[in-house]
Amino acid sequence: MKSDAVIFSVAYWHLSMFVKYLKHFLLFFVFLEWWDRIGGRDNGTTRSRVIGSAPIEAQLISSQFQLTSFFPRPPSTMIPFSRFG
C-alpha cells in the first residue's frame, strides 16, 4: 500500500498539470478573440476594423447581408409556374 505522501504528491502533480493546461487553453481563446477583433480572420470578406468597432445593429446588418448575398433566393420568392399557363 502506498503511503499518504506519495498519494498526495501524485494528486498535487495531476492538479497542477490540469490548472496549467486549463490556463493555456483559456489564454488561447483570449488570443483568438483578440486576433478576430483586430481583423486577423478576415478572409477577404466585408468585415473590417470599422465594422468590428461599429454598433451591434451595423454588425447584424453586415452579417445578414453576407448571408443573403452568399445563399440563393428561396423558392417562395420565385415566379410560380401558374403565371405562365
C-alpha atoms as a PDB file:
ATOM      1  CA  MET A   1       0.000   0.000   0.000  1.00  0.00           C
ATOM      2  CA  LYS A   2       1.305   3.409  -0.988  1.00  0.00           C
ATOM      3  CA  SER A   3       1.999   5.959   1.672  1.00  0.00           C
ATOM      4  CA  ASP A   4      -0.124   9.070   2.014  1.00  0.00           C
ATOM      5  CA  ALA A   5       2.767  11.295   0.925  1.00  0.00           C
ATOM      6  CA  VAL A   6       3.024   9.520  -2.431  1.00  0.00           C
ATOM      7  CA  ILE A   7      -0.737   9.690  -2.989  1.00  0.00           C
ATOM      8  CA  PHE A   8      -0.879  13.403  -2.166  1.00  0.00           C
ATOM      9  CA  SER A   9       2.165  14.211  -4.293  1.00  0.00           C
ATOM     10  CA  VAL A  10       0.698  12.397  -7.301  1.00  0.00           C
ATOM     11  CA  ALA A  11      -2.657  14.115  -6.778  1.00  0.00           C
ATOM     12  CA  TYR A  12      -0.936  17.501  -6.459  1.00  0.00           C
ATOM     13  CA  TRP A  13       1.019  16.890  -9.671  1.00  0.00           C
ATOM     14  CA  HIS A  14      -2.152  15.990 -11.590  1.00  0.00           C
ATOM     15  CA  LEU A  15      -3.983  19.013 -10.228  1.00  0.00           C
ATOM     16  CA  SER A  16      -1.114  21.336 -11.120  1.00  0.00           C
ATOM     17  CA  MET A  17      -0.967  19.944 -14.665  1.00  0.00           C
ATOM     18  CA  PHE A  18      -4.725  20.398 -15.030  1.00  0.00           C
ATOM     19  CA  VAL A  19      -4.506  24.030 -13.904  1.00  0.00           C
ATOM     20  CA  LYS A  20      -1.516  24.634 -16.173  1.00  0.00           C
ATOM     21  CA  TYR A  21      -3.237  23.327 -19.295  1.00  0.00           C
ATOM     22  CA  LEU A  22      -6.527  24.988 -18.397  1.00  0.00           C
ATOM     23  CA  LYS A  23      -4.686  28.288 -18.210  1.00  0.00           C
ATOM     24  CA  HIS A  24      -3.096  27.720 -21.616  1.00  0.00           C
ATOM     25  CA  PHE A  25      -6.453  26.685 -23.064  1.00  0.00           C
ATOM     26  CA  LEU A  26      -8.127  29.866 -21.811  1.00  0.00           C
ATOM     27  CA  LEU A  27      -5.255  32.066 -22.958  1.00  0.00           C
ATOM     28  CA  PHE A  28      -5.526  30.539 -26.434  1.00  0.00           C
ATOM     29  CA  PHE A  29      -9.181  31.562 -26.679  1.00  0.00           C
ATOM     30  CA  VAL A  30      -8.371  35.046 -25.392  1.00  0.00           C
ATOM     31  CA  PHE A  31      -5.788  35.260 -28.174  1.00  0.00           C
ATOM     32  CA  LEU A  32      -8.352  34.119 -30.755  1.00  0.00           C
ATOM     33  CA  GLU A  33     -10.806  36.799 -29.636  1.00  0.00           C
ATOM     34  CA  TRP A  34      -8.076  39.445 -29.857  1.00  0.00           C
ATOM     35  CA  TRP A  35      -6.998  38.191 -33.285  1.00  0.00           C
ATOM     36  CA  ASP A  36     -10.592  38.301 -34.503  1.00  0.00           C
ATOM     37  CA  ARG A  37     -11.070  41.804 -33.111  1.00  0.00           C
ATOM     38  CA  ILE A  38      -8.097  43.257 -34.979  1.00  0.00           C
ATOM     39  CA  GLY A  39      -9.288  41.637 -38.199  1.00  0.00           C
ATOM     40  CA  GLY A  40      -6.937  38.685 -38.355  1.00  0.00           C
ATOM     41  CA  ARG A  41      -9.560  36.218 -39.603  1.00  0.00           C
ATOM     42  CA  ASP A  42     -10.902  38.462 -42.355  1.00  0.00           C
ATOM     43  CA  ASN A  43     -10.536  36.052 -45.312  1.00  0.00           C
ATOM     44  CA  GLY A  44     -11.427  38.752 -47.823  1.00  0.00           C
ATOM     45  CA  THR A  45     -14.992  39.329 -46.604  1.00  0.00           C
ATOM     46  CA  THR A  46     -16.580  42.691 -45.894  1.00  0.00           C
ATOM     47  CA  ARG A  47     -15.705  42.542 -42.200  1.00  0.00           C
ATOM     48  CA  SER A  48     -13.092  45.064 -41.210  1.00  0.00           C
ATOM     49  CA  ARG A  49     -11.910  47.043 -38.248  1.00  0.00           C
ATOM     50  CA  VAL A  50     -14.604  49.639 -38.893  1.00  0.00           C
ATOM     51  CA  ILE A  51     -17.388  47.063 -38.690  1.00  0.00           C
ATOM     52  CA  GLY A  52     -15.726  45.494 -35.674  1.00  0.00           C
ATOM     53  CA  SER A  53     -15.994  48.797 -33.802  1.00  0.00           C
ATOM     54  CA  ALA A  54     -19.476  49.657 -35.109  1.00  0.00           C
ATOM     55  CA  PRO A  55     -22.664  49.307 -33.061  1.00  0.00           C
ATOM     56  CA  ILE A  56     -24.260  45.894 -32.833  1.00  0.00           C
ATOM     57  CA  GLU A  57     -27.004  46.885 -35.303  1.00  0.00           C
ATOM     58  CA  ALA A  58     -24.438  47.530 -38.022  1.00  0.00           C
ATOM     59  CA  GLN A  59     -22.743  44.221 -37.312  1.00  0.00           C
ATOM     60  CA  LEU A  60     -26.063  42.377 -37.572  1.00  0.00           C
ATOM     61  CA  ILE A  61     -26.930  44.103 -40.843  1.00  0.00           C
ATOM     62  CA  SER A  62     -23.500  43.249 -42.208  1.00  0.00           C
ATOM     63  CA  SER A  63     -23.797  39.583 -41.242  1.00  0.00           C
ATOM     64  CA  GLN A  64     -27.310  39.372 -42.728  1.00  0.00           C
ATOM     65  CA  PHE A  65     -26.028  40.933 -45.942  1.00  0.00           C
ATOM     66  CA  GLN A  66     -23.241  38.377 -46.134  1.00  0.00           C
ATOM     67  CA  LEU A  67     -25.683  35.506 -45.655  1.00  0.00           C
ATOM     68  CA  THR A  68     -28.204  36.784 -48.215  1.00  0.00           C
ATOM     69  CA  SER A  69     -25.510  37.514 -50.772  1.00  0.00           C
ATOM     70  CA  PHE A  70     -23.996  34.051 -50.365  1.00  0.00           C
ATOM     71  CA  PHE A  71     -27.120  31.878 -50.414  1.00  0.00           C
ATOM     72  CA  PRO A  72     -29.565  31.908 -53.362  1.00  0.00           C
ATOM     73  CA  ARG A  73     -33.120  33.140 -53.027  1.00  0.00           C
ATOM     74  CA  PRO A  74     -35.604  30.745 -51.501  1.00  0.00           C
ATOM     75  CA  PRO A  75     -38.196  29.178 -53.833  1.00  0.00           C
ATOM     76  CA  SER A  76     -41.022  31.232 -52.282  1.00  0.00           C
ATOM     77  CA  THR A  77     -39.702  34.421 -53.934  1.00  0.00           C
ATOM     78  CA  MET A  78     -39.500  32.894 -57.420  1.00  0.00           C
ATOM     79  CA  ILE A  79     -42.199  33.296 -60.058  1.00  0.00           C
ATOM     80  CA  PRO A  80     -44.730  30.465 -59.769  1.00  0.00           C
ATOM     81  CA  PHE A  81     -45.450  28.365 -62.854  1.00  0.00           C
ATOM     82  CA  SER A  82     -49.170  29.169 -62.731  1.00  0.00           C
ATOM     83  CA  ARG A  83     -48.499  32.630 -64.188  1.00  0.00           C
ATOM     84  CA  PHE A  84     -47.249  31.119 -67.426  1.00  0.00           C
ATOM     85  CA  GLY A  85     -50.284  28.917 -68.030  1.00  0.00           C
END
